[in-house]
Amino acid sequence: MKLIDVTVSRFIAGSPAEVFDVWLDPASPGCPWHGAKKIISSPVVDGLFYWGHENAGRLMPHYGRFVTIDRPRCAEYTWVSEATKGVESIVAVSFEPRGDQTEVTLRHSGVPDDDMGRKHEEGWTWFLSMLAERFAKK
């Protein structure tokens, strides 16, 4: 199976520490896991997560393990889902200061080169938009 990498980036109106903290806190609007039907998360190195969201009336489970937690610079975790065909992929998120903003760059490596795999770009772009919206309301 051919694998690809997906990279998306967005400027967020907040400091790297503020943005980093929201990214990893399921209770914070703007976090990718916020509003999930079911979430279990332990954001420490080797901590595990389970994230289940509903799509078309069906629970879509995602699993992973936190590999790197370097507040406020980066977070990296494995990612396994139906869309990765059960293959463990890697999500690396960096938080770089850019004046009074933070440039968030997310690289999802090792997703299948098929329709579901390529849809990760759309999904991560949407999550970064929700994060930007959360900080725009500050």
C-alpha atoms as a PDB file:
ATOM      1  CA  MET A   1       0.000   0.000   0.000  1.00  0.00           C
ATOM      2  CA  LYS A   2       1.384   3.393  -1.007  1.00  0.00           C
ATOM      3  CA  LEU A   3       1.490   5.917   1.845  1.00  0.00           C
ATOM      4  CA  ILE A   4       1.545   9.719   1.690  1.00  0.00           C
ATOM      5  CA  ASP A   5       2.081  12.650   4.021  1.00  0.00           C
ATOM      6  CA  VAL A   6      -0.460  15.429   4.507  1.00  0.00           C
ATOM      7  CA  THR A   7       0.647  18.863   5.772  1.00  0.00           C
ATOM      8  CA  VAL A   8      -1.596  21.777   6.729  1.00  0.00           C
ATOM      9  CA  SER A   9      -0.737  25.069   8.406  1.00  0.00           C
ATOM     10  CA  ARG A  10      -2.625  27.993   9.930  1.00  0.00           C
ATOM     11  CA  PHE A  11      -1.846  31.209  11.815  1.00  0.00           C
ATOM     12  CA  ILE A  12      -3.666  31.402  15.165  1.00  0.00           C
ATOM     13  CA  ALA A  13      -4.151  34.620  17.194  1.00  0.00           C
ATOM     14  CA  GLY A  14      -2.570  33.377  20.432  1.00  0.00           C
ATOM     15  CA  SER A  15       0.766  32.504  21.996  1.00  0.00           C
ATOM     16  CA  PRO A  16       2.301  29.065  21.360  1.00  0.00           C
ATOM     17  CA  ALA A  17       1.639  28.083  25.001  1.00  0.00           C
ATOM     18  CA  GLU A  18      -2.040  29.085  24.805  1.00  0.00           C
ATOM     19  CA  VAL A  19      -2.582  27.331  21.477  1.00  0.00           C
ATOM     20  CA  PHE A  20      -0.666  24.226  22.572  1.00  0.00           C
ATOM     21  CA  ASP A  21      -2.741  23.936  25.754  1.00  0.00           C
ATOM     22  CA  VAL A  22      -6.036  24.175  23.860  1.00  0.00           C
ATOM     23  CA  TRP A  23      -4.871  21.647  21.249  1.00  0.00           C
ATOM     24  CA  LEU A  24      -4.384  18.968  23.905  1.00  0.00           C
ATOM     25  CA  ASP A  25      -7.372  19.758  26.164  1.00  0.00           C
ATOM     26  CA  PRO A  26     -10.550  17.889  25.106  1.00  0.00           C
ATOM     27  CA  ALA A  27     -12.597  20.222  27.333  1.00  0.00           C
ATOM     28  CA  SER A  28     -11.524  23.278  25.293  1.00  0.00           C
ATOM     29  CA  PRO A  29     -13.518  24.353  22.245  1.00  0.00           C
ATOM     30  CA  GLY A  30     -11.088  24.425  19.321  1.00  0.00           C
ATOM     31  CA  CYS A  31      -9.363  21.217  20.397  1.00  0.00           C
ATOM     32  CA  PRO A  32      -9.607  18.490  17.746  1.00  0.00           C
ATOM     33  CA  TRP A  33     -11.099  16.129  20.328  1.00  0.00           C
ATOM     34  CA  HIS A  34     -13.649  18.598  21.746  1.00  0.00           C
ATOM     35  CA  GLY A  35     -17.218  17.454  21.313  1.00  0.00           C
ATOM     36  CA  ALA A  36     -16.313  13.849  20.567  1.00  0.00           C
ATOM     37  CA  LYS A  37     -18.928  11.238  21.403  1.00  0.00           C
ATOM     38  CA  LYS A  38     -16.298   9.454  23.521  1.00  0.00           C
ATOM     39  CA  ILE A  39     -12.803  10.551  24.513  1.00  0.00           C
ATOM     40  CA  ILE A  40     -10.120   9.005  26.677  1.00  0.00           C
ATOM     41  CA  SER A  41      -6.875  10.941  26.684  1.00  0.00           C
ATOM     42  CA  SER A  42      -3.648  10.919  28.652  1.00  0.00           C
ATOM     43  CA  PRO A  43      -1.424  13.527  26.937  1.00  0.00           C
ATOM     44  CA  VAL A  44       1.920  12.413  28.365  1.00  0.00           C
ATOM     45  CA  VAL A  45       4.712  10.549  26.597  1.00  0.00           C
ATOM     46  CA  ASP A  46       3.483   6.972  26.096  1.00  0.00           C
ATOM     47  CA  GLY A  47      -0.012   8.013  27.223  1.00  0.00           C
ATOM     48  CA  LEU A  48      -2.855   6.621  25.127  1.00  0.00           C
ATOM     49  CA  PHE A  49      -5.922   8.177  23.567  1.00  0.00           C
ATOM     50  CA  TYR A  50      -9.199   6.946  22.170  1.00  0.00           C
ATOM     51  CA  TRP A  51     -11.328   9.396  20.244  1.00  0.00           C
ATOM     52  CA  GLY A  52     -14.714   8.398  18.889  1.00  0.00           C
ATOM     53  CA  HIS A  53     -16.776  10.786  16.818  1.00  0.00           C
ATOM     54  CA  GLU A  54     -20.044  10.242  15.036  1.00  0.00           C
ATOM     55  CA  ASN A  55     -20.190  10.365  11.266  1.00  0.00           C
ATOM     56  CA  ALA A  56     -23.409   9.555   9.418  1.00  0.00           C
ATOM     57  CA  GLY A  57     -24.859   7.999  12.578  1.00  0.00           C
ATOM     58  CA  ARG A  58     -21.846   5.727  13.085  1.00  0.00           C
ATOM     59  CA  LEU A  59     -19.135   5.939  15.748  1.00  0.00           C
ATOM     60  CA  MET A  60     -15.711   6.290  14.106  1.00  0.00           C
ATOM     61  CA  PRO A  61     -12.948   5.214  16.540  1.00  0.00           C
ATOM     62  CA  HIS A  62      -9.408   6.615  16.465  1.00  0.00           C
ATOM     63  CA  TYR A  63      -6.578   5.366  18.656  1.00  0.00           C
ATOM     64  CA  GLY A  64      -3.056   6.449  19.377  1.00  0.00           C
ATOM     65  CA  ARG A  65      -0.132   6.966  21.688  1.00  0.00           C
ATOM     66  CA  PHE A  66       1.579  10.234  22.537  1.00  0.00           C
ATOM     67  CA  VAL A  67       5.198  10.084  21.385  1.00  0.00           C
ATOM     68  CA  THR A  68       6.397  13.638  22.111  1.00  0.00           C
ATOM     69  CA  ILE A  69       4.964  16.336  24.345  1.00  0.00           C
ATOM     70  CA  ASP A  70       7.226  19.410  24.280  1.00  0.00           C
ATOM     71  CA  ARG A  71       5.125  22.330  25.517  1.00  0.00           C
ATOM     72  CA  PRO A  72       4.791  24.799  23.847  1.00  0.00           C
ATOM     73  CA  ARG A  73       6.766  23.720  20.770  1.00  0.00           C
ATOM     74  CA  CYS A  74       5.327  20.431  19.548  1.00  0.00           C
ATOM     75  CA  ALA A  75       3.216  17.373  20.118  1.00  0.00           C
ATOM     76  CA  GLU A  76       3.513  14.103  18.228  1.00  0.00           C
ATOM     77  CA  TYR A  77       1.290  11.062  18.419  1.00  0.00           C
ATOM     78  CA  THR A  78       0.466   7.921  16.546  1.00  0.00           C
ATOM     79  CA  TRP A  79      -2.907   7.728  14.779  1.00  0.00           C
ATOM     80  CA  VAL A  80      -4.849   4.609  13.844  1.00  0.00           C
ATOM     81  CA  SER A  81      -8.330   4.682  12.336  1.00  0.00           C
ATOM     82  CA  GLU A  82     -10.518   3.118   9.704  1.00  0.00           C
ATOM     83  CA  ALA A  83      -9.252   5.803   7.309  1.00  0.00           C
ATOM     84  CA  THR A  84      -5.646   4.644   7.855  1.00  0.00           C
ATOM     85  CA  LYS A  85      -6.750   1.056   7.228  1.00  0.00           C
ATOM     86  CA  GLY A  86      -5.501   0.155  10.711  1.00  0.00           C
ATOM     87  CA  VAL A  87      -1.966   1.264   9.832  1.00  0.00           C
ATOM     88  CA  GLU A  88      -0.243   3.309  12.531  1.00  0.00           C
ATOM     89  CA  SER A  89       0.459   6.766  11.141  1.00  0.00           C
ATOM     90  CA  ILE A  90       2.138   9.750  12.844  1.00  0.00           C
ATOM     91  CA  VAL A  91       0.673  13.194  13.535  1.00  0.00           C
ATOM     92  CA  ALA A  92       3.263  15.894  14.344  1.00  0.00           C
ATOM     93  CA  VAL A  93       2.011  19.342  15.337  1.00  0.00           C
ATOM     94  CA  SER A  94       4.375  22.306  15.763  1.00  0.00           C
ATOM     95  CA  PHE A  95       3.572  25.654  17.368  1.00  0.00           C
ATOM     96  CA  GLU A  96       5.911  28.429  16.158  1.00  0.00           C
ATOM     97  CA  PRO A  97       5.721  32.033  17.414  1.00  0.00           C
ATOM     98  CA  ARG A  98       5.081  34.567  14.634  1.00  0.00           C
ATOM     99  CA  GLY A  99       4.770  37.995  16.266  1.00  0.00           C
ATOM    100  CA  ASP A 100       1.557  37.984  18.309  1.00  0.00           C
ATOM    101  CA  GLN A 101       0.360  34.820  16.541  1.00  0.00           C
ATOM    102  CA  THR A 102       1.307  31.168  16.407  1.00  0.00           C
ATOM    103  CA  GLU A 103       1.869  29.246  13.205  1.00  0.00           C
ATOM    104  CA  VAL A 104       0.462  25.774  13.733  1.00  0.00           C
ATOM    105  CA  THR A 105       1.765  23.217  11.256  1.00  0.00           C
ATOM    106  CA  LEU A 106       0.376  19.701  11.291  1.00  0.00           C
ATOM    107  CA  ARG A 107       2.017  16.895   9.346  1.00  0.00           C
ATOM    108  CA  HIS A 108       0.218  13.569   9.200  1.00  0.00           C
ATOM    109  CA  SER A 109       2.684  11.007   7.872  1.00  0.00           C
ATOM    110  CA  GLY A 110       1.942   7.549   6.573  1.00  0.00           C
ATOM    111  CA  VAL A 111      -1.702   7.785   5.533  1.00  0.00           C
ATOM    112  CA  PRO A 112      -2.898   5.596   2.666  1.00  0.00           C
ATOM    113  CA  ASP A 113      -2.776   7.176  -0.783  1.00  0.00           C
ATOM    114  CA  ASP A 114      -6.503   6.708  -1.426  1.00  0.00           C
ATOM    115  CA  ASP A 115      -9.680   8.782  -1.080  1.00  0.00           C
ATOM    116  CA  MET A 116     -10.024   8.215   2.680  1.00  0.00           C
ATOM    117  CA  GLY A 117      -6.345   8.851   3.292  1.00  0.00           C
ATOM    118  CA  ARG A 118      -6.320  12.085   1.286  1.00  0.00           C
ATOM    119  CA  LYS A 119      -9.430  13.294   3.171  1.00  0.00           C
ATOM    120  CA  HIS A 120      -7.189  13.765   6.210  1.00  0.00           C
ATOM    121  CA  GLU A 121      -6.037  17.042   4.632  1.00  0.00           C
ATOM    122  CA  GLU A 122      -9.627  18.303   4.596  1.00  0.00           C
ATOM    123  CA  GLY A 123     -10.232  17.071   8.146  1.00  0.00           C
ATOM    124  CA  TRP A 124      -7.095  18.617   9.634  1.00  0.00           C
ATOM    125  CA  THR A 125      -7.753  21.890   7.774  1.00  0.00           C
ATOM    126  CA  TRP A 126     -11.211  21.969   9.361  1.00  0.00           C
ATOM    127  CA  PHE A 127      -9.760  21.343  12.837  1.00  0.00           C
ATOM    128  CA  LEU A 128      -7.226  24.164  12.395  1.00  0.00           C
ATOM    129  CA  SER A 129     -10.078  26.446  11.304  1.00  0.00           C
ATOM    130  CA  MET A 130     -12.007  25.579  14.482  1.00  0.00           C
ATOM    131  CA  LEU A 131      -8.880  26.322  16.527  1.00  0.00           C
ATOM    132  CA  ALA A 132      -8.436  29.690  14.778  1.00  0.00           C
ATOM    133  CA  GLU A 133     -12.115  30.507  15.344  1.00  0.00           C
ATOM    134  CA  ARG A 134     -11.804  29.727  19.047  1.00  0.00           C
ATOM    135  CA  PHE A 135      -8.924  32.208  19.409  1.00  0.00           C
ATOM    136  CA  ALA A 136     -10.593  34.832  17.208  1.00  0.00           C
ATOM    137  CA  LYS A 137     -13.375  34.973  19.842  1.00  0.00           C
ATOM    138  CA  LYS A 138     -10.907  35.898  22.630  1.00  0.00           C
END
